[in-house]
N, C-alpha and C. Protein backbone atom coordinates (compact mmCIF):
# COMPACT_ATOMS: atom_id res chain seq x y z
N UNK A 1 -20.84 -3.40 -7.44
CA UNK A 1 -21.14 -3.42 -6.01
C UNK A 1 -19.31 -3.92 -5.30
N UNK A 2 -17.92 -4.14 -6.00
CA UNK A 2 -17.05 -4.36 -5.58
C UNK A 2 -16.18 -3.11 -5.56
N UNK A 3 -16.44 -2.53 -6.60
CA UNK A 3 -15.95 -1.37 -6.76
C UNK A 3 -16.48 0.01 -5.88
N UNK A 4 -17.51 0.01 -5.10
CA UNK A 4 -18.15 0.76 -4.53
C UNK A 4 -17.50 0.65 -3.17
N UNK A 5 -17.55 -0.54 -2.88
CA UNK A 5 -16.46 -1.29 -1.19
C UNK A 5 -15.23 -0.89 -1.28
N UNK A 6 -14.93 -0.57 -2.59
CA UNK A 6 -13.73 -0.31 -2.81
C UNK A 6 -12.61 1.41 -2.51
N UNK A 7 -14.21 1.83 -2.85
CA UNK A 7 -13.95 3.32 -2.22
C UNK A 7 -14.37 3.37 -1.32
N UNK A 8 -15.40 2.84 -0.40
CA UNK A 8 -15.81 3.00 0.65
C UNK A 8 -14.38 2.94 1.64
N UNK A 9 -13.92 1.58 1.21
CA UNK A 9 -12.85 0.89 1.88
C UNK A 9 -11.45 2.47 1.76
N UNK A 10 -11.07 2.84 0.69
CA UNK A 10 -10.62 3.54 0.96
C UNK A 10 -11.00 5.02 1.45
N UNK A 11 -11.73 5.58 1.64
CA UNK A 11 -12.12 7.16 2.00
C UNK A 11 -12.19 6.20 3.82
N UNK A 12 -12.15 4.61 3.71
CA UNK A 12 -12.44 5.00 5.30
C UNK A 12 -11.07 5.02 6.02
N UNK A 13 -9.73 4.38 5.08
CA UNK A 13 -8.58 4.42 5.25
C UNK A 13 -8.21 5.88 5.39
N UNK A 14 -8.45 6.76 4.27
CA UNK A 14 -7.85 7.52 4.42
C UNK A 14 -8.05 8.83 5.54
N UNK A 15 -9.39 8.28 5.98
CA UNK A 15 -10.25 9.21 6.98
C UNK A 15 -9.32 8.87 8.19
N UNK A 16 -9.08 7.77 8.21
CA UNK A 16 -8.62 6.92 9.84
C UNK A 16 -7.03 7.71 9.72
N UNK A 17 -6.31 8.28 8.87
CA UNK A 17 -5.12 8.61 8.94
C UNK A 17 -5.24 10.12 8.98
N UNK A 18 -5.85 10.46 8.50
CA UNK A 18 -6.09 11.82 8.62
C UNK A 18 -6.72 11.91 9.98
N UNK A 19 -7.92 11.47 10.54
CA UNK A 19 -7.94 11.29 11.75
C UNK A 19 -6.31 11.22 12.83
N UNK A 20 -5.86 10.45 12.37
CA UNK A 20 -4.49 10.28 13.32
C UNK A 20 -3.62 11.17 13.09
N UNK A 21 -3.41 12.03 11.93
CA UNK A 21 -2.70 13.32 11.95
C UNK A 21 -3.24 14.65 12.74
N UNK A 22 -4.33 14.39 12.72
CA UNK A 22 -5.20 15.34 13.42
C UNK A 22 -4.79 15.01 15.06
N UNK A 23 -4.91 13.71 15.45
CA UNK A 23 -4.12 13.61 16.55
C UNK A 23 -2.97 13.65 17.32
N UNK A 24 -2.42 13.13 16.49
CA UNK A 24 -0.64 13.62 16.75
C UNK A 24 0.13 14.53 15.83
N UNK A 25 -0.45 15.21 15.33
CA UNK A 25 -0.23 16.50 14.86
C UNK A 25 0.08 17.84 15.55
N UNK A 26 -0.93 18.33 16.45
CA UNK A 26 -0.40 18.98 17.26
C UNK A 26 0.18 18.76 19.02
N UNK A 27 0.53 17.58 18.70
CA UNK A 27 1.02 17.24 19.84
C UNK A 27 2.87 17.57 19.54
N UNK A 28 3.54 18.17 20.16
CA UNK A 28 4.76 18.48 19.72
C UNK A 28 5.67 19.29 20.70
N UNK A 29 6.56 19.35 20.45
CA UNK A 29 7.53 19.44 21.97
C UNK A 29 8.43 21.29 21.02
N UNK A 30 8.37 22.13 21.70
CA UNK A 30 8.76 23.52 21.60
C UNK A 30 10.21 23.39 22.14
N UNK A 31 11.33 23.95 20.99
CA UNK A 31 12.98 24.50 20.95
C UNK A 31 12.81 25.69 21.55
N UNK A 32 13.68 26.53 22.74
CA UNK A 32 14.17 27.62 22.83
C UNK A 32 14.40 28.52 22.31
N UNK A 33 15.05 27.84 20.70
CA UNK A 33 15.93 28.67 19.88
C UNK A 33 15.39 28.22 18.97
N UNK A 34 14.18 28.01 18.52
CA UNK A 34 14.08 28.29 16.96
C UNK A 34 12.13 28.06 17.02
N UNK A 35 11.70 28.69 16.15
CA UNK A 35 10.33 28.52 16.26
C UNK A 35 9.29 26.95 15.55
N UNK A 36 10.53 26.07 15.26
CA UNK A 36 10.22 24.89 14.71
C UNK A 36 9.92 23.92 15.91
N UNK A 37 9.06 23.64 15.37
CA UNK A 37 8.62 22.56 17.30
C UNK A 37 9.09 21.05 16.59
N UNK A 38 9.46 19.96 17.35
CA UNK A 38 9.74 18.33 17.17
C UNK A 38 7.81 18.16 16.83
N UNK A 39 7.59 17.75 15.90
CA UNK A 39 6.35 17.09 15.48
C UNK A 39 5.72 15.89 15.05
N UNK A 40 5.27 15.16 15.67
CA UNK A 40 4.82 13.92 15.19
C UNK A 40 3.96 14.24 13.58
N UNK A 41 4.16 15.07 12.89
CA UNK A 41 3.19 14.47 11.94
C UNK A 41 3.65 13.93 10.50
N UNK A 42 5.37 14.22 10.82
CA UNK A 42 5.55 13.30 9.38
C UNK A 42 5.66 11.88 9.90
N UNK A 43 5.95 11.77 11.26
CA UNK A 43 5.55 9.90 11.75
C UNK A 43 4.67 10.05 10.89
N UNK A 44 3.29 10.51 11.50
CA UNK A 44 2.22 9.68 10.96
C UNK A 44 2.30 9.42 9.36
N UNK A 45 2.58 10.67 8.35
CA UNK A 45 2.66 10.43 6.86
C UNK A 45 3.55 9.20 6.30
N UNK A 46 4.99 9.48 7.20
CA UNK A 46 5.73 7.77 6.78
C UNK A 46 4.79 6.71 6.99
N UNK A 47 3.83 6.75 8.35
CA UNK A 47 3.15 5.52 8.73
C UNK A 47 2.09 5.10 7.89
N UNK A 48 1.45 6.61 6.82
CA UNK A 48 0.70 6.36 6.57
C UNK A 48 1.09 5.52 4.96
N UNK A 49 1.87 5.88 4.25
CA UNK A 49 2.48 5.67 3.52
C UNK A 49 2.87 4.12 2.98
N UNK A 50 3.04 3.70 4.52
CA UNK A 50 3.63 2.72 4.41
C UNK A 50 2.52 1.42 4.68
N UNK A 51 1.38 2.10 4.90
CA UNK A 51 -0.21 1.38 5.68
C UNK A 51 -0.92 1.31 4.15
N UNK A 52 -1.30 2.63 3.84
CA UNK A 52 -2.20 2.90 2.50
C UNK A 52 -1.66 3.28 1.36
N UNK A 53 -0.15 3.24 0.94
CA UNK A 53 0.23 4.19 0.14
C UNK A 53 0.51 5.37 -0.32
N UNK A 54 0.83 6.02 -1.28
CA UNK A 54 0.73 7.37 -2.02
C UNK A 54 -0.32 7.80 -2.07
N UNK A 55 -0.78 7.19 -2.83
CA UNK A 55 -2.01 8.21 -3.31
C UNK A 55 -3.31 8.40 -1.91
N UNK A 56 -3.67 7.50 -1.46
CA UNK A 56 -4.86 7.46 0.03
C UNK A 56 -3.42 8.01 0.80
N UNK A 57 -2.51 8.06 1.26
CA UNK A 57 -1.75 8.78 2.01
C UNK A 57 -1.20 9.96 1.85
N UNK A 58 -1.05 10.24 0.47
CA UNK A 58 -0.95 11.70 0.23
C UNK A 58 -2.48 12.25 0.57
N UNK A 59 -3.59 11.94 -0.02
CA UNK A 59 -5.14 12.74 -0.23
C UNK A 59 -5.29 13.00 2.36
N UNK A 60 -4.70 11.74 2.43
CA UNK A 60 -5.54 11.72 4.44
C UNK A 60 -4.36 13.05 4.46
N UNK A 61 -3.01 13.21 4.19
CA UNK A 61 -2.78 14.56 4.61
C UNK A 61 -2.69 16.10 4.19
N UNK A 62 -3.32 16.34 2.94
CA UNK A 62 -4.11 16.97 2.14
C UNK A 62 -5.67 17.35 2.95
N UNK A 63 -5.85 16.29 3.15
CA UNK A 63 -7.51 16.36 4.36
C UNK A 63 -6.99 17.25 5.77
N UNK A 64 -6.35 16.72 6.53
CA UNK A 64 -5.63 17.13 7.33
C UNK A 64 -4.93 18.71 7.19
N UNK A 65 -4.58 19.21 5.81
CA UNK A 65 -4.11 20.15 6.11
C UNK A 65 -5.17 21.07 5.89
N UNK A 66 -6.05 20.87 4.80
CA UNK A 66 -7.55 21.44 4.92
C UNK A 66 -8.22 21.52 6.17
N UNK A 67 -7.98 20.65 6.74
CA UNK A 67 -8.79 21.20 8.36
C UNK A 67 -8.10 22.20 9.19
N UNK A 68 -6.73 22.07 9.05
CA UNK A 68 -5.60 22.67 9.77
C UNK A 68 -6.05 24.35 9.07
N UNK A 69 -6.17 24.50 8.00
CA UNK A 69 -5.83 25.61 7.04
C UNK A 69 -7.52 26.46 7.40
N UNK A 70 -8.44 26.06 7.77
CA UNK A 70 -10.09 26.45 7.88
C UNK A 70 -10.05 26.70 9.42
N UNK A 71 -8.79 26.64 9.89
CA UNK A 71 -8.65 27.37 11.74
C UNK A 71 -9.03 26.53 12.73
N UNK A 72 -8.97 24.68 12.45
CA UNK A 72 -8.84 23.68 13.37
C UNK A 72 -8.02 23.49 14.01
N UNK A 73 -7.80 23.68 15.24
CA UNK A 73 -6.34 23.33 15.97
C UNK A 73 -5.79 22.45 15.98
N UNK A 74 -5.16 21.43 14.76
CA UNK A 74 -4.55 20.16 14.49
C UNK A 74 -3.09 20.89 13.93
N UNK A 75 -2.36 21.91 13.75
CA UNK A 75 -1.28 21.64 13.46
C UNK A 75 -0.94 21.72 14.96
N UNK A 76 0.73 21.29 14.83
CA UNK A 76 1.72 22.03 16.06
C UNK A 76 1.24 22.80 17.40
N UNK A 77 1.37 22.37 18.53
CA UNK A 77 0.96 23.36 19.84
C UNK A 77 -0.48 23.41 19.55
N UNK A 78 -1.50 22.36 18.73
CA UNK A 78 -2.95 23.16 18.76
C UNK A 78 -3.49 24.74 18.48
N UNK A 79 -2.59 24.16 17.14
CA UNK A 79 -2.76 25.79 16.46
C UNK A 79 -3.88 25.20 15.32
N UNK A 80 -4.20 26.52 13.97
CA UNK A 80 -4.78 25.83 12.72
C UNK A 80 -4.85 27.29 12.23
N UNK A 81 -5.00 27.71 11.44
CA UNK A 81 -5.53 28.99 10.17
C UNK A 81 -4.37 29.09 9.33
N UNK A 82 -4.87 30.33 8.48
CA UNK A 82 -3.58 30.64 6.91
C UNK A 82 -2.71 31.32 7.44
N UNK A 83 -3.32 31.72 8.83
CA UNK A 83 -1.88 32.64 9.36
C UNK A 83 -0.67 31.63 9.77
N UNK A 84 -0.99 29.95 10.48
CA UNK A 84 -0.09 29.34 10.39
C UNK A 84 0.86 29.12 9.43
N UNK A 85 0.15 28.28 8.47
CA UNK A 85 0.50 28.47 6.66
C UNK A 85 1.51 29.52 6.74
N UNK A 86 0.98 30.78 7.07
CA UNK A 86 1.67 31.37 6.28
C UNK A 86 2.95 32.32 7.46
N UNK A 87 2.91 31.55 8.47
CA UNK A 87 4.29 31.73 9.12
C UNK A 87 5.48 31.15 9.05
N UNK A 88 6.80 31.10 9.97
CA UNK A 88 8.00 30.62 10.01
C UNK A 88 7.50 28.76 9.55
N UNK A 89 6.75 28.06 9.56
CA UNK A 89 6.35 27.46 9.79
C UNK A 89 5.46 26.42 8.82
N UNK A 90 5.46 27.13 8.09
CA UNK A 90 4.65 26.69 6.69
C UNK A 90 4.77 26.23 5.63
N UNK A 91 6.30 26.42 5.32
CA UNK A 91 6.85 25.97 4.32
C UNK A 91 7.49 24.49 4.76
N UNK A 92 7.39 24.00 5.78
CA UNK A 92 7.48 22.42 6.50
C UNK A 92 5.98 21.84 5.87
N UNK A 93 4.85 22.70 6.80
CA UNK A 93 3.67 22.09 6.24
C UNK A 93 3.46 21.81 4.67
N UNK A 94 3.74 22.68 4.04
CA UNK A 94 3.44 22.41 2.36
C UNK A 94 4.26 21.61 2.16
N UNK A 95 5.78 21.14 2.25
CA UNK A 95 6.58 20.41 2.08
C UNK A 95 6.58 19.20 2.56
N UNK A 96 5.56 18.71 3.32
CA UNK A 96 5.02 17.59 4.39
C UNK A 96 4.27 16.94 2.51
N UNK A 97 3.36 17.95 1.82
CA UNK A 97 3.07 17.34 0.81
C UNK A 97 3.70 16.53 -0.26
N UNK A 98 5.09 17.09 0.00
CA UNK A 98 5.84 16.09 -1.23
C UNK A 98 6.56 14.91 -0.55
N UNK A 99 7.20 15.16 1.17
CA UNK A 99 7.21 14.18 1.44
C UNK A 99 6.16 13.14 1.36
N UNK A 100 4.88 13.05 1.52
CA UNK A 100 3.88 11.86 1.84
C UNK A 100 4.03 11.47 -0.21
N UNK A 101 4.03 12.24 -1.56
CA UNK A 101 4.40 11.96 -2.75
C UNK A 101 5.30 10.95 -2.93
N UNK A 102 6.69 11.54 -2.24
CA UNK A 102 7.91 10.81 -2.74
C UNK A 102 8.28 9.67 -2.10
N UNK A 103 7.81 10.05 -0.66
CA UNK A 103 7.96 8.63 0.24
C UNK A 103 6.93 7.51 -0.06
N UNK A 104 5.96 8.03 0.07
CA UNK A 104 4.99 6.72 -1.27
C UNK A 104 5.05 5.89 -2.43
N UNK A 105 5.52 6.63 -3.42
CA UNK A 105 5.91 6.31 -4.20
C UNK A 105 6.94 5.22 -4.43
N UNK A 106 7.98 5.92 -3.47
CA UNK A 106 9.16 4.27 -2.74
C UNK A 106 8.67 2.68 -2.35
N UNK A 107 7.61 3.31 -1.36
CA UNK A 107 7.05 2.88 -0.93
C UNK A 107 6.40 1.50 -1.62
N UNK A 108 5.37 1.95 -2.69
CA UNK A 108 4.77 1.38 -3.64
C UNK A 108 5.53 0.82 -4.79
N UNK A 109 6.46 1.94 -5.45
CA UNK A 109 7.24 1.24 -6.97
C UNK A 109 8.31 0.17 -6.07
N UNK A 110 8.98 0.35 -4.97
CA UNK A 110 9.79 -0.60 -4.45
C UNK A 110 9.06 -1.95 -3.31
N UNK A 111 7.86 -2.10 -3.77
CA UNK A 111 6.99 -2.87 -2.49
C UNK A 111 7.96 -4.14 -1.80
N UNK A 112 7.81 -3.79 -0.52
CA UNK A 112 8.44 -4.43 0.24
C UNK A 112 9.92 -4.52 0.47
N UNK A 113 10.94 -3.90 -0.31
CA UNK A 113 11.97 -3.49 -0.33
C UNK A 113 12.43 -2.88 0.89
N UNK A 114 12.86 -2.58 2.15
CA UNK A 114 12.90 -1.43 3.44
C UNK A 114 13.61 -0.58 2.99
N UNK A 115 15.17 -1.08 2.34
CA UNK A 115 15.73 0.15 1.80
C UNK A 115 15.67 1.03 1.18
N UNK A 116 14.63 0.74 0.12
CA UNK A 116 13.92 1.93 -1.17
C UNK A 116 13.13 2.82 -0.15
N UNK A 117 12.21 2.10 0.78
CA UNK A 117 11.29 2.66 1.44
C UNK A 117 12.11 3.83 2.70
N UNK A 118 13.24 3.35 3.27
CA UNK A 118 13.93 3.99 3.35
C UNK A 118 14.80 5.36 2.91
N UNK A 119 15.14 5.28 1.70
CA UNK A 119 15.42 5.85 0.83
C UNK A 119 14.75 7.07 0.15
N UNK A 120 13.22 6.50 0.37
CA UNK A 120 12.00 7.47 -0.52
C UNK A 120 11.57 8.14 1.07
N UNK A 121 11.55 8.04 1.87
CA UNK A 121 11.33 8.50 3.26
C UNK A 121 12.34 9.79 3.11
N UNK A 122 13.96 9.23 3.79
CA UNK A 122 14.50 10.36 3.07
C UNK A 122 14.92 11.43 2.85
N UNK A 123 14.81 10.93 1.27
CA UNK A 123 14.22 11.77 0.21
C UNK A 123 13.20 12.75 0.20
N UNK A 124 12.18 12.34 0.87
CA UNK A 124 10.83 13.08 1.09
C UNK A 124 11.05 13.96 1.72
N UNK A 125 11.92 13.46 3.20
CA UNK A 125 12.16 14.50 4.27
C UNK A 125 13.40 15.43 4.12
N UNK A 126 14.17 15.71 2.78
CA UNK A 126 14.53 16.49 2.57
C UNK A 126 13.96 17.41 1.60
N UNK A 127 13.47 16.89 1.02
CA UNK A 127 12.65 18.18 0.13
C UNK A 127 11.90 18.76 0.78
N UNK A 128 11.26 18.21 2.28
CA UNK A 128 10.45 18.83 3.04
C UNK A 128 11.25 19.93 3.88
N UNK A 129 12.50 19.51 3.78
CA UNK A 129 13.32 20.33 4.67
C UNK A 129 13.68 21.54 4.09
N UNK A 130 13.80 21.67 2.73
CA UNK A 130 14.27 22.33 1.87
C UNK A 130 13.02 23.56 1.67
N UNK A 131 11.52 23.07 1.60
CA UNK A 131 10.76 23.97 1.72
C UNK A 131 10.73 24.72 2.24
N UNK A 132 10.68 23.80 3.98
CA UNK A 132 11.16 24.75 5.29
C UNK A 132 11.42 25.34 5.37
N UNK A 133 12.96 25.11 5.09
CA UNK A 133 13.82 26.09 5.73
C UNK A 133 14.10 27.47 4.54
N UNK A 134 13.60 27.32 3.50
CA UNK A 134 13.63 28.38 2.74
C UNK A 134 12.35 29.27 3.28
N UNK A 135 11.59 28.43 2.82
CA UNK A 135 10.32 29.27 4.07
C UNK A 135 10.43 30.25 5.69
N UNK A 136 11.64 29.01 6.15
CA UNK A 136 11.74 30.13 7.42
C UNK A 136 12.50 30.73 7.52
N UNK A 137 13.66 30.86 6.25
CA UNK A 137 14.56 32.28 6.06
C UNK A 137 14.09 33.06 5.90
N UNK A 138 12.94 32.95 5.14
CA UNK A 138 12.57 34.00 4.50
C UNK A 138 11.61 35.26 5.71
N UNK A 139 10.89 34.33 6.50
CA UNK A 139 10.23 34.95 7.16
C UNK A 139 10.64 34.87 8.18
N UNK A 140 11.43 34.50 8.97
CA UNK A 140 12.68 35.11 10.06
C UNK A 140 14.08 35.84 9.60
N UNK A 141 14.11 36.23 8.05
CA UNK A 141 15.23 36.93 8.16
C UNK A 141 16.90 36.57 8.06
N UNK A 142 16.83 35.00 8.00
CA UNK A 142 17.62 34.42 8.29
C UNK A 142 18.53 33.31 7.39
N UNK A 143 20.14 33.56 7.51
CA UNK A 143 20.95 33.22 5.77
C UNK A 143 20.29 31.86 6.42
N UNK A 144 20.62 31.04 4.92
CA UNK A 144 20.36 29.44 4.75
C UNK A 144 21.22 28.85 6.27
N UNK A 145 22.27 28.80 6.26
CA UNK A 145 22.92 28.16 7.30
C UNK A 145 22.18 28.22 8.20
N UNK A 146 21.68 29.55 8.78
CA UNK A 146 21.40 29.87 10.13
C UNK A 146 20.05 29.36 10.19
N UNK A 147 19.02 29.19 9.06
CA UNK A 147 18.02 28.32 8.88
C UNK A 147 17.86 26.60 8.83
N UNK A 148 19.08 26.47 8.30
CA UNK A 148 19.55 24.77 8.84
C UNK A 148 19.56 24.51 9.84
N UNK A 149 20.44 25.39 11.30
CA UNK A 149 20.09 25.11 12.33
C UNK A 149 19.42 25.26 13.10
N UNK A 150 18.31 25.99 12.65
CA UNK A 150 17.15 26.27 13.36
C UNK A 150 16.01 25.61 13.18
N UNK A 151 16.05 24.79 11.66
CA UNK A 151 15.18 23.69 11.21
C UNK A 151 15.44 22.38 10.86
N UNK A 152 16.82 22.12 10.30
CA UNK A 152 17.16 20.42 10.32
C UNK A 152 17.76 20.06 10.98
N UNK A 153 19.24 20.68 11.49
CA UNK A 153 19.95 19.88 12.03
C UNK A 153 19.83 19.55 13.46
N UNK A 154 18.96 19.87 13.81
CA UNK A 154 18.56 19.38 15.49
C UNK A 154 17.14 18.39 15.27
N UNK A 155 16.74 18.34 14.36
CA UNK A 155 15.77 17.01 14.02
C UNK A 155 16.08 15.96 13.47
N UNK A 156 17.30 15.79 12.71
CA UNK A 156 17.22 14.78 12.18
C UNK A 156 18.13 13.49 12.85
N UNK A 157 18.28 13.19 14.06
CA UNK A 157 18.35 12.43 14.76
C UNK A 157 16.17 11.84 15.00
N UNK A 158 15.91 12.92 15.18
CA UNK A 158 14.35 12.13 15.68
C UNK A 158 13.34 12.29 14.27
N UNK A 159 14.21 12.20 13.43
CA UNK A 159 13.60 11.98 12.05
C UNK A 159 13.85 10.48 11.40
N UNK A 160 15.21 10.74 12.16
CA UNK A 160 15.75 9.08 12.09
C UNK A 160 14.84 7.95 12.38
N UNK A 161 15.24 8.29 13.41
CA UNK A 161 14.31 7.24 14.72
C UNK A 161 12.95 6.92 14.15
N UNK A 162 11.85 8.21 13.43
CA UNK A 162 10.61 8.22 13.17
C UNK A 162 10.09 7.04 11.99
N UNK A 163 11.32 7.43 11.40
CA UNK A 163 11.34 6.32 10.03
C UNK A 163 11.93 4.89 10.14
N UNK A 164 12.44 4.21 11.25
CA UNK A 164 12.91 3.43 11.74
C UNK A 164 10.98 2.68 12.53
N UNK A 165 10.27 3.60 13.24
CA UNK A 165 9.51 3.05 13.64
C UNK A 165 8.16 2.98 12.85
N UNK A 166 8.40 3.77 11.99
CA UNK A 166 6.98 3.71 10.69
C UNK A 166 7.07 2.63 10.30
N UNK A 167 8.74 2.34 9.75
CA UNK A 167 8.91 1.07 8.71
C UNK A 167 8.72 -0.07 9.55
N UNK A 168 8.92 -0.09 11.12
CA UNK A 168 8.60 -1.38 11.81
C UNK A 168 7.13 -1.68 11.56
N UNK A 169 6.62 -0.46 12.38
CA UNK A 169 4.93 -0.72 12.57
C UNK A 169 4.19 -0.95 11.50
N UNK A 170 4.68 0.20 10.65
CA UNK A 170 3.78 0.48 9.31
C UNK A 170 3.55 -1.39 8.80
N UNK A 171 4.66 -1.46 8.64
CA UNK A 171 5.20 -2.89 7.89
C UNK A 171 3.70 -3.78 8.92
N UNK A 172 4.11 -3.72 9.60
CA UNK A 172 3.07 -4.92 10.46
C UNK A 172 1.96 -4.85 10.82
N UNK A 173 1.46 -3.36 10.29
CA UNK A 173 0.06 -2.79 10.32
C UNK A 173 -0.14 -2.62 8.81
N UNK A 174 0.05 -2.56 8.18
CA UNK A 174 -0.13 -3.34 6.75
C UNK A 174 -0.23 -4.70 6.22
N UNK A 175 0.51 -5.35 6.91
CA UNK A 175 0.01 -7.11 6.81
C UNK A 175 -0.68 -7.07 7.23
N UNK A 176 -1.42 -6.33 8.24
CA UNK A 176 -2.84 -6.79 9.39
C UNK A 176 -3.69 -6.43 8.58
N UNK A 177 -3.59 -5.33 7.75
CA UNK A 177 -4.97 -4.95 6.93
C UNK A 177 -4.98 -5.73 5.69
N UNK A 178 -3.60 -5.95 5.06
CA UNK A 178 -3.71 -6.71 3.41
C UNK A 178 -5.04 -8.22 4.22
N UNK A 179 -4.33 -8.27 4.95
CA UNK A 179 -4.28 -10.08 5.66
C UNK A 179 -6.10 -9.89 6.13
N UNK A 180 -6.66 -8.45 6.37
CA UNK A 180 -8.38 -8.64 6.72
C UNK A 180 -8.75 -7.99 5.41
N UNK A 181 -8.18 -7.95 4.68
CA UNK A 181 -8.79 -8.01 2.98
C UNK A 181 -9.44 -6.70 2.90
N UNK A 182 -8.99 -5.46 3.76
CA UNK A 182 -8.91 -4.29 3.81
C UNK A 182 -8.27 -3.65 2.42
N UNK A 183 -6.89 -3.93 2.29
CA UNK A 183 -6.26 -3.36 1.20
C UNK A 183 -6.28 -4.49 -0.03
N UNK A 184 -5.73 -4.57 -0.97
CA UNK A 184 -5.23 -5.89 -2.29
C UNK A 184 -3.47 -5.52 -1.41
N UNK A 185 -3.03 -6.56 -1.65
CA UNK A 185 -1.50 -6.83 -1.47
C UNK A 185 -1.09 -6.30 -2.18
């Protein structure tokens, strides 16, 4: 019975984080010089791995990605569908899988070490940027430097702030979830 309870708890936490991503993911700020909006999706991914770890956090993002891929308007700007994944920002959506895996690995491997959690989030973000920028360049016929200016450089300060927010809020929520005995320490 204990193992089944853990599975139900895992599914509940995964569903809650996927739902949070579906709520915050569509909220975005468009910038006039690029098709890449400022999105809150990565904030939720940082938060999810802080609270529920790499495996659950990655699964929650994959659930969100599948929900968007079938057409529900959960991607930035309340869009969805395979066309969004094939469009200029599709590389970022795919790259977020690696953000969850890499940052989640660091959060779990170096549990309680905030510096290593930040390093993991920065590395995961860099991989996301690589996927996103390459795909953006292919789709928009940009040079790599143009892609960096359209899809990376303007977002660095905001992503740094999101990491700080996720570390602070995520650490507090994780403690509360562990204390409530929903997750093991």
